[in-house]
Amino acid sequence: MNTLQHPLKTTHEVSVWQLTAKLVVLAGVLMAYSYCLLLTIGSVLSMVNN
């Protein structure tokens, strides 16, 4: 029965890890979006130069 009890520290660590995971996912999405944006700008510039 002792395994069902969760101390406050463990709960806090879990929330910190959840926040970290959300930030990592958000950063990944933003990097992918900016990469696609740069590809789009590059292709538009190459079409304009040709």
PDB file of N, CA and C in Angstrom:
ATOM      1  N   MET A   1       0.813  -1.205   0.000  1.00  0.00           N
ATOM      2  CA  MET A   1       0.000   0.000   0.000  1.00  0.00           C
ATOM      3  C   MET A   1       0.853   1.265   0.000  1.00  0.00           C
ATOM      4  N   ASN A   2       2.090   1.158   0.432  1.00  0.00           N
ATOM      5  CA  ASN A   2       2.949   2.341   0.486  1.00  0.00           C
ATOM      6  C   ASN A   2       3.297   2.849  -0.908  1.00  0.00           C
ATOM      7  N   THR A   3       3.227   1.976  -1.905  1.00  0.00           N
ATOM      8  CA  THR A   3       3.589   2.405  -3.245  1.00  0.00           C
ATOM      9  C   THR A   3       2.542   3.333  -3.850  1.00  0.00           C
ATOM     10  N   LEU A   4       1.328   3.354  -3.310  1.00  0.00           N
ATOM     11  CA  LEU A   4       0.281   4.212  -3.843  1.00  0.00           C
ATOM     12  C   LEU A   4       0.434   5.651  -3.378  1.00  0.00           C
ATOM     13  N   GLN A   5       1.226   5.892  -2.355  1.00  0.00           N
ATOM     14  CA  GLN A   5       1.395   7.243  -1.840  1.00  0.00           C
ATOM     15  C   GLN A   5       2.481   7.959  -2.639  1.00  0.00           C
ATOM     16  N   HIS A   6       2.166   9.158  -3.089  1.00  0.00           N
ATOM     17  CA  HIS A   6       3.107   9.950  -3.857  1.00  0.00           C
ATOM     18  C   HIS A   6       3.483  11.188  -3.063  1.00  0.00           C
ATOM     19  N   PRO A   7       4.739  11.345  -2.738  1.00  0.00           N
ATOM     20  CA  PRO A   7       5.151  12.568  -2.024  1.00  0.00           C
ATOM     21  C   PRO A   7       5.003  13.802  -2.918  1.00  0.00           C
ATOM     22  N   LEU A   8       5.002  14.951  -2.300  1.00  0.00           N
ATOM     23  CA  LEU A   8       4.838  16.204  -3.045  1.00  0.00           C
ATOM     24  C   LEU A   8       6.019  16.438  -3.979  1.00  0.00           C
ATOM     25  N   LYS A   9       7.198  16.035  -3.550  1.00  0.00           N
ATOM     26  CA  LYS A   9       8.391  16.247  -4.374  1.00  0.00           C
ATOM     27  C   LYS A   9       8.284  15.483  -5.693  1.00  0.00           C
ATOM     28  N   THR A  10       7.817  14.249  -5.630  1.00  0.00           N
ATOM     29  CA  THR A  10       7.681  13.453  -6.854  1.00  0.00           C
ATOM     30  C   THR A  10       6.665  14.084  -7.794  1.00  0.00           C
ATOM     31  N   THR A  11       5.549  14.554  -7.248  1.00  0.00           N
ATOM     32  CA  THR A  11       4.538  15.200  -8.076  1.00  0.00           C
ATOM     33  C   THR A  11       5.102  16.460  -8.725  1.00  0.00           C
ATOM     34  N   HIS A  12       5.881  17.214  -7.967  1.00  0.00           N
ATOM     35  CA  HIS A  12       6.489  18.428  -8.516  1.00  0.00           C
ATOM     36  C   HIS A  12       7.475  18.074  -9.622  1.00  0.00           C
ATOM     37  N   GLU A  13       8.255  17.018  -9.424  1.00  0.00           N
ATOM     38  CA  GLU A  13       9.218  16.609 -10.454  1.00  0.00           C
ATOM     39  C   GLU A  13       8.490  16.157 -11.715  1.00  0.00           C
ATOM     40  N   VAL A  14       7.367  15.475 -11.548  1.00  0.00           N
ATOM     41  CA  VAL A  14       6.601  15.027 -12.709  1.00  0.00           C
ATOM     42  C   VAL A  14       6.077  16.231 -13.475  1.00  0.00           C
ATOM     43  N   SER A  15       5.577  17.242 -12.764  1.00  0.00           N
ATOM     44  CA  SER A  15       5.059  18.423 -13.457  1.00  0.00           C
ATOM     45  C   SER A  15       6.182  19.175 -14.162  1.00  0.00           C
ATOM     46  N   VAL A  16       7.368  19.201 -13.565  1.00  0.00           N
ATOM     47  CA  VAL A  16       8.506  19.853 -14.220  1.00  0.00           C
ATOM     48  C   VAL A  16       8.875  19.107 -15.492  1.00  0.00           C
ATOM     49  N   TRP A  17       8.876  17.780 -15.434  1.00  0.00           N
ATOM     50  CA  TRP A  17       9.185  17.004 -16.635  1.00  0.00           C
ATOM     51  C   TRP A  17       8.113  17.181 -17.699  1.00  0.00           C
ATOM     52  N   GLN A  18       6.851  17.290 -17.294  1.00  0.00           N
ATOM     53  CA  GLN A  18       5.785  17.520 -18.270  1.00  0.00           C
ATOM     54  C   GLN A  18       5.950  18.875 -18.935  1.00  0.00           C
ATOM     55  N   LEU A  19       6.303  19.885 -18.143  1.00  0.00           N
ATOM     56  CA  LEU A  19       6.523  21.218 -18.707  1.00  0.00           C
ATOM     57  C   LEU A  19       7.711  21.207 -19.661  1.00  0.00           C
ATOM     58  N   THR A  20       8.782  20.512 -19.281  1.00  0.00           N
ATOM     59  CA  THR A  20       9.955  20.411 -20.143  1.00  0.00           C
ATOM     60  C   THR A  20       9.598  19.724 -21.457  1.00  0.00           C
ATOM     61  N   ALA A  21       8.813  18.647 -21.373  1.00  0.00           N
ATOM     62  CA  ALA A  21       8.412  17.928 -22.585  1.00  0.00           C
ATOM     63  C   ALA A  21       7.577  18.819 -23.490  1.00  0.00           C
ATOM     64  N   LYS A  22       6.667  19.606 -22.899  1.00  0.00           N
ATOM     65  CA  LYS A  22       5.850  20.503 -23.711  1.00  0.00           C
ATOM     66  C   LYS A  22       6.705  21.566 -24.387  1.00  0.00           C
ATOM     67  N   LEU A  23       7.695  22.083 -23.676  1.00  0.00           N
ATOM     68  CA  LEU A  23       8.579  23.093 -24.266  1.00  0.00           C
ATOM     69  C   LEU A  23       9.405  22.497 -25.401  1.00  0.00           C
ATOM     70  N   VAL A  24       9.875  21.260 -25.225  1.00  0.00           N
ATOM     71  CA  VAL A  24      10.665  20.608 -26.278  1.00  0.00           C
ATOM     72  C   VAL A  24       9.803  20.380 -27.518  1.00  0.00           C
ATOM     73  N   VAL A  25       8.565  19.934 -27.317  1.00  0.00           N
ATOM     74  CA  VAL A  25       7.669  19.715 -28.454  1.00  0.00           C
ATOM     75  C   VAL A  25       7.368  21.035 -29.158  1.00  0.00           C
ATOM     76  N   LEU A  26       7.129  22.083 -28.377  1.00  0.00           N
ATOM     77  CA  LEU A  26       6.855  23.395 -28.963  1.00  0.00           C
ATOM     78  C   LEU A  26       8.054  23.891 -29.758  1.00  0.00           C
ATOM     79  N   ALA A  27       9.254  23.710 -29.211  1.00  0.00           N
ATOM     80  CA  ALA A  27      10.460  24.132 -29.922  1.00  0.00           C
ATOM     81  C   ALA A  27      10.618  23.337 -31.224  1.00  0.00           C
ATOM     82  N   GLY A  28      10.328  22.051 -31.190  1.00  0.00           N
ATOM     83  CA  GLY A  28      10.417  21.233 -32.397  1.00  0.00           C
ATOM     84  C   GLY A  28       9.444  21.677 -33.466  1.00  0.00           C
ATOM     85  N   VAL A  29       8.214  21.999 -33.058  1.00  0.00           N
ATOM     86  CA  VAL A  29       7.212  22.467 -34.014  1.00  0.00           C
ATOM     87  C   VAL A  29       7.640  23.794 -34.614  1.00  0.00           C
ATOM     88  N   LEU A  30       8.146  24.699 -33.787  1.00  0.00           N
ATOM     89  CA  LEU A  30       8.587  25.998 -34.302  1.00  0.00           C
ATOM     90  C   LEU A  30       9.775  25.856 -35.245  1.00  0.00           C
ATOM     91  N   MET A  31      10.700  24.939 -34.931  1.00  0.00           N
ATOM     92  CA  MET A  31      11.844  24.725 -35.819  1.00  0.00           C
ATOM     93  C   MET A  31      11.389  24.156 -37.161  1.00  0.00           C
ATOM     94  N   ALA A  32      10.450  23.212 -37.135  1.00  0.00           N
ATOM     95  CA  ALA A  32       9.942  22.637 -38.379  1.00  0.00           C
ATOM     96  C   ALA A  32       9.216  23.696 -39.204  1.00  0.00           C
ATOM     97  N   TYR A  33       8.439  24.538 -38.542  1.00  0.00           N
ATOM     98  CA  TYR A  33       7.709  25.602 -39.242  1.00  0.00           C
ATOM     99  C   TYR A  33       8.671  26.596 -39.873  1.00  0.00           C
ATOM    100  N   SER A  34       9.693  26.993 -39.115  1.00  0.00           N
ATOM    101  CA  SER A  34      10.646  27.959 -39.666  1.00  0.00           C
ATOM    102  C   SER A  34      11.454  27.332 -40.801  1.00  0.00           C
ATOM    103  N   TYR A  35      11.755  26.031 -40.716  1.00  0.00           N
ATOM    104  CA  TYR A  35      12.479  25.356 -41.793  1.00  0.00           C
ATOM    105  C   TYR A  35      11.634  25.347 -43.069  1.00  0.00           C
ATOM    106  N   CYS A  36      10.346  25.027 -42.924  1.00  0.00           N
ATOM    107  CA  CYS A  36       9.466  25.041 -44.095  1.00  0.00           C
ATOM    108  C   CYS A  36       9.332  26.449 -44.661  1.00  0.00           C
ATOM    109  N   LEU A  37       9.289  27.428 -43.776  1.00  0.00           N
ATOM    110  CA  LEU A  37       9.191  28.819 -44.232  1.00  0.00           C
ATOM    111  C   LEU A  37      10.441  29.221 -45.015  1.00  0.00           C
ATOM    112  N   LEU A  38      11.614  28.810 -44.522  1.00  0.00           N
ATOM    113  CA  LEU A  38      12.853  29.125 -45.231  1.00  0.00           C
ATOM    114  C   LEU A  38      12.910  28.413 -46.577  1.00  0.00           C
ATOM    115  N   LEU A  39      12.434  27.175 -46.634  1.00  0.00           N
ATOM    116  CA  LEU A  39      12.399  26.467 -47.913  1.00  0.00           C
ATOM    117  C   LEU A  39      11.481  27.181 -48.895  1.00  0.00           C
ATOM    118  N   THR A  40      10.336  27.648 -48.401  1.00  0.00           N
ATOM    119  CA  THR A  40       9.393  28.361 -49.272  1.00  0.00           C
ATOM    120  C   THR A  40      10.005  29.651 -49.791  1.00  0.00           C
ATOM    121  N   ILE A  41      10.639  30.401 -48.913  1.00  0.00           N
ATOM    122  CA  ILE A  41      11.271  31.656 -49.326  1.00  0.00           C
ATOM    123  C   ILE A  41      12.387  31.379 -50.327  1.00  0.00           C
ATOM    124  N   GLY A  42      13.171  30.322 -50.081  1.00  0.00           N
ATOM    125  CA  GLY A  42      14.250  29.983 -51.006  1.00  0.00           C
ATOM    126  C   GLY A  42      13.740  29.603 -52.368  1.00  0.00           C
ATOM    127  N   SER A  43      12.651  28.836 -52.414  1.00  0.00           N
ATOM    128  CA  SER A  43      12.113  28.426 -53.724  1.00  0.00           C
ATOM    129  C   SER A  43      11.507  29.630 -54.451  1.00  0.00           C
ATOM    130  N   VAL A  44      10.868  30.549 -53.710  1.00  0.00           N
ATOM    131  CA  VAL A  44      10.322  31.739 -54.346  1.00  0.00           C
ATOM    132  C   VAL A  44      11.444  32.600 -54.905  1.00  0.00           C
ATOM    133  N   LEU A  45      12.528  32.759 -54.142  1.00  0.00           N
ATOM    134  CA  LEU A  45      13.639  33.558 -54.638  1.00  0.00           C
ATOM    135  C   LEU A  45      14.295  32.919 -55.853  1.00  0.00           C
ATOM    136  N   SER A  46      14.405  31.590 -55.858  1.00  0.00           N
ATOM    137  CA  SER A  46      15.007  30.924 -57.018  1.00  0.00           C
ATOM    138  C   SER A  46      14.118  31.071 -58.247  1.00  0.00           C
ATOM    139  N   MET A  47      12.791  31.055 -58.068  1.00  0.00           N
ATOM    140  CA  MET A  47      11.896  31.264 -59.204  1.00  0.00           C
ATOM    141  C   MET A  47      11.991  32.690 -59.717  1.00  0.00           C
ATOM    142  N   VAL A  48      12.154  33.639 -58.817  1.00  0.00           N
ATOM    143  CA  VAL A  48      12.266  35.039 -59.222  1.00  0.00           C
ATOM    144  C   VAL A  48      13.575  35.271 -59.977  1.00  0.00           C
ATOM    145  N   ASN A  49      14.652  34.638 -59.518  1.00  0.00           N
ATOM    146  CA  ASN A  49      15.964  34.815 -60.173  1.00  0.00           C
ATOM    147  C   ASN A  49      15.983  34.166 -61.560  1.00  0.00           C
ATOM    148  N   ASN A  50      15.200  33.120 -61.769  1.00  0.00           N
ATOM    149  CA  ASN A  50      15.150  32.478 -63.080  1.00  0.00           C
ATOM    150  C   ASN A  50      14.141  33.204 -63.917  1.00  0.00           C
TER     151      ASN A  50
END
